[in-house]
Amino acid sequence: MEKELPLSGSTPEQELTEAQRFWLTHYQACQMASQSLAEYAREHGLAVKSFYYWKRRLRQLKAIEPESQRQSPQPTFHAVRIRRTQVVEAACRLHFPNGMTCELMDIDEPGLERLLVTVSRLPL
């Protein structure tokens, strides 16, 4: 039988089991790392299906907020002015907050503009 652990600042009816606390801790770490649950689970040797199950279960227990109630950070994209130049070979490197880097070679102005518009529409 699992030992009951109280949620900090909670009432007795909001106590969590060791398993619930384990998954809540991983869920919170995943949120801090700005990774998808699947990426985080694979990186930490957790079963992806189990992680999604526990996310749903913790939401039912009201241990985590539903995504619809969570406030998302404001986008941090900035306006970019593109100058027309005659560059034979050009490289563009984009660094994203999650650590991903995208490098493009020989991209023309219309292609760069389409890329920036597309990237600005991505969810954070």
N, C-alpha and C. Protein backbone atom coordinates (compact mmCIF):
# COMPACT_ATOMS: atom_id res chain seq x y z
N MET A 1 0.84 -1.18 0.00
CA MET A 1 0.00 0.00 0.00
C MET A 1 0.89 1.24 0.00
N GLU A 2 0.47 2.29 -0.75
CA GLU A 2 1.28 3.49 -0.87
C GLU A 2 1.08 4.40 0.32
N LYS A 3 2.16 5.01 0.76
CA LYS A 3 2.12 5.94 1.88
C LYS A 3 1.56 7.27 1.39
N GLU A 4 0.70 7.90 2.18
CA GLU A 4 0.11 9.19 1.83
C GLU A 4 1.06 10.32 2.21
N LEU A 5 1.27 11.26 1.28
CA LEU A 5 2.09 12.44 1.55
C LEU A 5 1.25 13.67 1.31
N PRO A 6 1.24 14.63 2.24
CA PRO A 6 0.42 15.83 2.03
C PRO A 6 1.05 16.75 1.00
N LEU A 7 0.21 17.39 0.22
CA LEU A 7 0.64 18.42 -0.72
C LEU A 7 0.92 19.66 0.11
N SER A 8 2.03 20.35 -0.13
CA SER A 8 2.39 21.48 0.71
C SER A 8 1.27 22.51 0.71
N GLY A 9 0.90 22.97 1.91
CA GLY A 9 -0.16 23.96 2.05
C GLY A 9 -1.53 23.42 1.74
N SER A 10 -1.73 22.11 1.80
CA SER A 10 -3.00 21.52 1.41
C SER A 10 -3.81 21.09 2.62
N THR A 11 -5.03 20.75 2.34
CA THR A 11 -5.89 20.19 3.37
C THR A 11 -5.75 18.68 3.30
N PRO A 12 -6.16 17.94 4.35
CA PRO A 12 -5.98 16.47 4.35
C PRO A 12 -6.60 15.77 3.14
N GLU A 13 -7.73 16.29 2.62
CA GLU A 13 -8.35 15.62 1.48
C GLU A 13 -7.58 15.80 0.18
N GLN A 14 -6.55 16.65 0.21
CA GLN A 14 -5.74 16.87 -0.99
C GLN A 14 -4.39 16.15 -0.89
N GLU A 15 -4.27 15.17 -0.02
CA GLU A 15 -3.02 14.46 0.14
C GLU A 15 -2.72 13.62 -1.10
N LEU A 16 -1.45 13.49 -1.40
CA LEU A 16 -1.00 12.73 -2.56
C LEU A 16 -0.23 11.50 -2.11
N THR A 17 -0.35 10.43 -2.87
CA THR A 17 0.42 9.22 -2.60
C THR A 17 1.85 9.44 -3.09
N GLU A 18 2.74 8.52 -2.75
CA GLU A 18 4.12 8.61 -3.22
C GLU A 18 4.16 8.61 -4.75
N ALA A 19 3.36 7.76 -5.37
CA ALA A 19 3.34 7.69 -6.84
C ALA A 19 2.86 9.01 -7.42
N GLN A 20 1.81 9.58 -6.84
CA GLN A 20 1.29 10.85 -7.34
C GLN A 20 2.33 11.96 -7.18
N ARG A 21 3.01 11.97 -6.04
CA ARG A 21 4.05 12.97 -5.80
C ARG A 21 5.21 12.78 -6.79
N PHE A 22 5.59 11.53 -7.07
CA PHE A 22 6.65 11.21 -8.03
C PHE A 22 6.33 11.82 -9.40
N TRP A 23 5.10 11.55 -9.89
CA TRP A 23 4.73 12.04 -11.22
C TRP A 23 4.52 13.54 -11.23
N LEU A 24 4.02 14.11 -10.13
CA LEU A 24 3.85 15.55 -10.04
C LEU A 24 5.21 16.24 -10.11
N THR A 25 6.20 15.69 -9.42
CA THR A 25 7.55 16.26 -9.45
C THR A 25 8.11 16.23 -10.86
N HIS A 26 7.93 15.12 -11.56
CA HIS A 26 8.41 15.03 -12.95
C HIS A 26 7.64 15.97 -13.86
N TYR A 27 6.33 16.08 -13.65
CA TYR A 27 5.52 16.99 -14.48
C TYR A 27 6.01 18.43 -14.31
N GLN A 28 6.24 18.84 -13.06
CA GLN A 28 6.72 20.20 -12.80
C GLN A 28 8.10 20.43 -13.41
N ALA A 29 8.97 19.44 -13.33
CA ALA A 29 10.31 19.57 -13.92
C ALA A 29 10.21 19.67 -15.44
N CYS A 30 9.29 18.92 -16.03
CA CYS A 30 9.07 18.97 -17.48
C CYS A 30 8.61 20.37 -17.89
N GLN A 31 7.70 20.96 -17.12
CA GLN A 31 7.23 22.30 -17.42
C GLN A 31 8.36 23.31 -17.33
N MET A 32 9.21 23.17 -16.33
CA MET A 32 10.34 24.09 -16.16
C MET A 32 11.34 23.94 -17.30
N ALA A 33 11.47 22.73 -17.84
CA ALA A 33 12.42 22.47 -18.92
C ALA A 33 11.86 22.88 -20.28
N SER A 34 10.58 23.26 -20.32
CA SER A 34 9.91 23.64 -21.58
C SER A 34 10.05 22.55 -22.64
N GLN A 35 9.90 21.31 -22.22
CA GLN A 35 9.95 20.18 -23.14
C GLN A 35 8.56 19.57 -23.24
N SER A 36 8.33 18.84 -24.30
CA SER A 36 7.09 18.08 -24.38
C SER A 36 7.19 16.94 -23.38
N LEU A 37 6.04 16.40 -22.97
CA LEU A 37 6.05 15.29 -22.03
C LEU A 37 6.81 14.11 -22.61
N ALA A 38 6.62 13.84 -23.90
CA ALA A 38 7.28 12.71 -24.55
C ALA A 38 8.80 12.88 -24.52
N GLU A 39 9.28 14.08 -24.86
CA GLU A 39 10.73 14.33 -24.85
C GLU A 39 11.29 14.14 -23.44
N TYR A 40 10.61 14.74 -22.47
CA TYR A 40 11.08 14.65 -21.09
C TYR A 40 11.08 13.19 -20.62
N ALA A 41 10.00 12.47 -20.90
CA ALA A 41 9.89 11.07 -20.46
C ALA A 41 11.02 10.24 -21.04
N ARG A 42 11.28 10.35 -22.34
CA ARG A 42 12.35 9.58 -22.96
C ARG A 42 13.70 9.94 -22.36
N GLU A 43 13.93 11.22 -22.13
CA GLU A 43 15.21 11.68 -21.59
C GLU A 43 15.44 11.17 -20.17
N HIS A 44 14.35 10.94 -19.41
CA HIS A 44 14.47 10.53 -18.02
C HIS A 44 14.09 9.07 -17.79
N GLY A 45 13.97 8.31 -18.88
CA GLY A 45 13.69 6.88 -18.76
C GLY A 45 12.31 6.55 -18.22
N LEU A 46 11.33 7.42 -18.48
CA LEU A 46 9.96 7.20 -18.02
C LEU A 46 9.11 6.70 -19.18
N ALA A 47 8.11 5.90 -18.89
CA ALA A 47 7.19 5.42 -19.93
C ALA A 47 6.31 6.59 -20.37
N VAL A 48 6.32 6.88 -21.66
CA VAL A 48 5.58 8.02 -22.19
C VAL A 48 4.08 7.88 -21.89
N LYS A 49 3.52 6.71 -22.14
CA LYS A 49 2.09 6.50 -21.88
C LYS A 49 1.76 6.73 -20.40
N SER A 50 2.62 6.27 -19.52
CA SER A 50 2.40 6.46 -18.09
C SER A 50 2.43 7.94 -17.72
N PHE A 51 3.34 8.67 -18.34
CA PHE A 51 3.44 10.10 -18.05
C PHE A 51 2.15 10.81 -18.44
N TYR A 52 1.62 10.51 -19.62
CA TYR A 52 0.36 11.13 -20.05
C TYR A 52 -0.80 10.70 -19.15
N TYR A 53 -0.81 9.44 -18.73
CA TYR A 53 -1.85 8.97 -17.81
C TYR A 53 -1.81 9.78 -16.52
N TRP A 54 -0.61 9.92 -15.94
CA TRP A 54 -0.49 10.62 -14.67
C TRP A 54 -0.75 12.11 -14.81
N LYS A 55 -0.45 12.67 -15.95
CA LYS A 55 -0.79 14.08 -16.17
C LYS A 55 -2.31 14.25 -16.07
N ARG A 56 -3.03 13.36 -16.75
CA ARG A 56 -4.50 13.41 -16.72
C ARG A 56 -5.02 13.16 -15.30
N ARG A 57 -4.42 12.18 -14.62
CA ARG A 57 -4.85 11.83 -13.26
C ARG A 57 -4.59 12.98 -12.29
N LEU A 58 -3.44 13.62 -12.39
CA LEU A 58 -3.11 14.74 -11.52
C LEU A 58 -4.03 15.93 -11.78
N ARG A 59 -4.43 16.11 -13.03
CA ARG A 59 -5.39 17.17 -13.36
C ARG A 59 -6.74 16.86 -12.70
N GLN A 60 -7.17 15.59 -12.75
CA GLN A 60 -8.43 15.19 -12.11
C GLN A 60 -8.38 15.43 -10.60
N LEU A 61 -7.21 15.21 -10.00
CA LEU A 61 -7.03 15.43 -8.56
C LEU A 61 -6.84 16.91 -8.22
N LYS A 62 -6.79 17.73 -9.25
CA LYS A 62 -6.55 19.17 -9.11
C LYS A 62 -5.18 19.49 -8.52
N ALA A 63 -4.24 18.59 -8.74
CA ALA A 63 -2.86 18.82 -8.31
C ALA A 63 -2.13 19.70 -9.32
N ILE A 64 -2.63 19.74 -10.56
CA ILE A 64 -2.09 20.63 -11.59
C ILE A 64 -3.27 21.33 -12.26
N GLU A 65 -3.00 22.50 -12.82
CA GLU A 65 -4.03 23.27 -13.51
C GLU A 65 -4.23 22.74 -14.93
N PRO A 66 -5.46 22.78 -15.43
CA PRO A 66 -5.66 22.46 -16.84
C PRO A 66 -4.94 23.49 -17.71
N GLU A 67 -4.49 23.08 -18.91
CA GLU A 67 -3.77 24.00 -19.79
C GLU A 67 -4.56 25.26 -20.08
N SER A 68 -5.89 25.12 -20.17
CA SER A 68 -6.73 26.27 -20.51
C SER A 68 -6.68 27.35 -19.42
N GLN A 69 -6.33 26.98 -18.18
CA GLN A 69 -6.27 27.95 -17.09
C GLN A 69 -4.86 28.46 -16.83
N ARG A 70 -3.86 27.79 -17.42
CA ARG A 70 -2.49 28.21 -17.23
C ARG A 70 -2.22 29.43 -18.09
N GLN A 71 -1.54 30.40 -17.53
CA GLN A 71 -1.21 31.59 -18.31
C GLN A 71 0.05 31.32 -19.10
N SER A 72 -0.04 31.54 -20.40
CA SER A 72 1.13 31.31 -21.23
C SER A 72 1.95 32.60 -21.29
N PRO A 73 3.25 32.46 -21.37
CA PRO A 73 4.10 33.65 -21.45
C PRO A 73 3.87 34.39 -22.75
N GLN A 74 4.11 35.68 -22.71
CA GLN A 74 3.96 36.49 -23.91
C GLN A 74 5.07 36.14 -24.90
N PRO A 75 4.74 36.10 -26.19
CA PRO A 75 5.77 35.79 -27.19
C PRO A 75 6.91 36.81 -27.11
N THR A 76 8.10 36.35 -27.40
CA THR A 76 9.25 37.23 -27.32
C THR A 76 9.85 37.54 -28.69
N PHE A 77 9.04 37.41 -29.73
CA PHE A 77 9.54 37.74 -31.06
C PHE A 77 9.62 39.25 -31.21
N HIS A 78 10.57 39.69 -31.98
CA HIS A 78 10.77 41.11 -32.21
C HIS A 78 10.69 41.38 -33.71
N ALA A 79 10.28 42.58 -34.03
CA ALA A 79 10.20 42.96 -35.44
C ALA A 79 11.60 42.91 -36.05
N VAL A 80 11.67 42.42 -37.27
CA VAL A 80 12.93 42.32 -37.98
C VAL A 80 12.79 43.07 -39.30
N ARG A 81 13.74 43.92 -39.57
CA ARG A 81 13.73 44.65 -40.83
C ARG A 81 14.68 43.92 -41.79
N ILE A 82 14.18 43.55 -42.94
CA ILE A 82 14.98 42.82 -43.92
C ILE A 82 15.46 43.81 -44.98
N ARG A 83 16.75 43.84 -45.16
CA ARG A 83 17.33 44.72 -46.18
C ARG A 83 17.56 43.93 -47.45
N ARG A 84 17.33 44.54 -48.54
CA ARG A 84 17.59 43.89 -49.83
C ARG A 84 19.08 44.00 -50.13
N THR A 85 19.68 42.85 -50.33
CA THR A 85 21.11 42.81 -50.64
C THR A 85 21.35 41.79 -51.75
N GLN A 86 22.47 41.89 -52.36
CA GLN A 86 22.88 40.96 -53.40
C GLN A 86 23.91 39.99 -52.81
N VAL A 87 23.45 39.03 -52.05
CA VAL A 87 24.34 38.07 -51.44
C VAL A 87 24.27 36.77 -52.23
N VAL A 88 25.42 36.29 -52.66
CA VAL A 88 25.48 35.06 -53.43
C VAL A 88 25.25 33.86 -52.51
N GLU A 89 25.92 33.85 -51.37
CA GLU A 89 25.76 32.75 -50.42
C GLU A 89 25.49 33.36 -49.05
N ALA A 90 24.41 32.92 -48.42
CA ALA A 90 24.04 33.46 -47.12
C ALA A 90 23.68 32.33 -46.18
N ALA A 91 23.93 32.55 -44.93
CA ALA A 91 23.56 31.57 -43.91
C ALA A 91 22.72 32.27 -42.86
N CYS A 92 21.75 31.53 -42.33
CA CYS A 92 20.88 32.06 -41.29
C CYS A 92 20.84 31.02 -40.17
N ARG A 93 21.13 31.44 -38.96
CA ARG A 93 21.10 30.52 -37.83
C ARG A 93 20.11 31.06 -36.81
N LEU A 94 19.11 30.24 -36.45
CA LEU A 94 18.11 30.62 -35.45
C LEU A 94 18.32 29.77 -34.21
N HIS A 95 18.38 30.42 -33.04
CA HIS A 95 18.51 29.72 -31.77
C HIS A 95 17.19 29.87 -31.02
N PHE A 96 16.57 28.75 -30.65
CA PHE A 96 15.29 28.76 -29.96
C PHE A 96 15.49 28.58 -28.46
N PRO A 97 14.53 29.08 -27.64
CA PRO A 97 14.66 28.98 -26.18
C PRO A 97 14.82 27.55 -25.66
N ASN A 98 14.29 26.56 -26.40
CA ASN A 98 14.40 25.17 -25.93
C ASN A 98 15.75 24.55 -26.27
N GLY A 99 16.68 25.36 -26.82
CA GLY A 99 18.01 24.88 -27.12
C GLY A 99 18.19 24.41 -28.56
N MET A 100 17.11 24.32 -29.32
CA MET A 100 17.19 23.87 -30.70
C MET A 100 17.78 24.99 -31.56
N THR A 101 18.60 24.62 -32.53
CA THR A 101 19.19 25.56 -33.47
C THR A 101 18.83 25.12 -34.88
N CYS A 102 18.47 26.08 -35.69
CA CYS A 102 18.11 25.81 -37.09
C CYS A 102 19.06 26.65 -37.96
N GLU A 103 19.81 25.99 -38.84
CA GLU A 103 20.75 26.69 -39.70
C GLU A 103 20.33 26.51 -41.16
N LEU A 104 20.25 27.61 -41.87
CA LEU A 104 19.82 27.59 -43.27
C LEU A 104 20.93 28.18 -44.14
N MET A 105 21.16 27.55 -45.25
CA MET A 105 22.17 28.04 -46.18
C MET A 105 21.48 28.49 -47.46
N ASP A 106 21.99 29.53 -48.07
CA ASP A 106 21.48 30.05 -49.34
C ASP A 106 19.97 30.31 -49.31
N ILE A 107 19.50 31.04 -48.31
CA ILE A 107 18.09 31.37 -48.23
C ILE A 107 17.90 32.78 -48.81
N ASP A 108 16.90 32.91 -49.67
CA ASP A 108 16.63 34.22 -50.26
C ASP A 108 15.68 35.01 -49.37
N GLU A 109 15.50 36.29 -49.70
CA GLU A 109 14.67 37.17 -48.87
C GLU A 109 13.23 36.67 -48.72
N PRO A 110 12.55 36.28 -49.81
CA PRO A 110 11.17 35.77 -49.63
C PRO A 110 11.12 34.50 -48.76
N GLY A 111 12.13 33.64 -48.91
CA GLY A 111 12.17 32.42 -48.10
C GLY A 111 12.38 32.74 -46.63
N LEU A 112 13.27 33.68 -46.35
CA LEU A 112 13.52 34.09 -44.97
C LEU A 112 12.28 34.73 -44.36
N GLU A 113 11.62 35.56 -45.13
CA GLU A 113 10.41 36.21 -44.64
C GLU A 113 9.32 35.18 -44.33
N ARG A 114 9.13 34.18 -45.21
CA ARG A 114 8.15 33.11 -44.96
C ARG A 114 8.52 32.33 -43.71
N LEU A 115 9.81 32.03 -43.55
CA LEU A 115 10.28 31.30 -42.38
C LEU A 115 9.99 32.07 -41.10
N LEU A 116 10.31 33.36 -41.07
CA LEU A 116 10.10 34.16 -39.87
C LEU A 116 8.61 34.28 -39.53
N VAL A 117 7.77 34.42 -40.52
CA VAL A 117 6.32 34.48 -40.28
C VAL A 117 5.84 33.16 -39.71
N THR A 118 6.31 32.04 -40.27
CA THR A 118 5.91 30.71 -39.79
C THR A 118 6.38 30.49 -38.36
N VAL A 119 7.63 30.82 -38.08
CA VAL A 119 8.19 30.62 -36.74
C VAL A 119 7.47 31.49 -35.72
N SER A 120 7.08 32.71 -36.11
CA SER A 120 6.40 33.59 -35.16
C SER A 120 5.03 33.07 -34.77
N ARG A 121 4.46 32.17 -35.56
CA ARG A 121 3.16 31.60 -35.26
C ARG A 121 3.22 30.33 -34.43
N LEU A 122 4.42 29.79 -34.20
CA LEU A 122 4.56 28.57 -33.43
C LEU A 122 4.21 28.81 -31.97
N PRO A 123 3.57 27.82 -31.32
CA PRO A 123 3.30 27.98 -29.89
C PRO A 123 4.59 27.87 -29.10
N LEU A 124 4.63 28.54 -27.98
CA LEU A 124 5.83 28.49 -27.14
C LEU A 124 5.88 27.23 -26.35
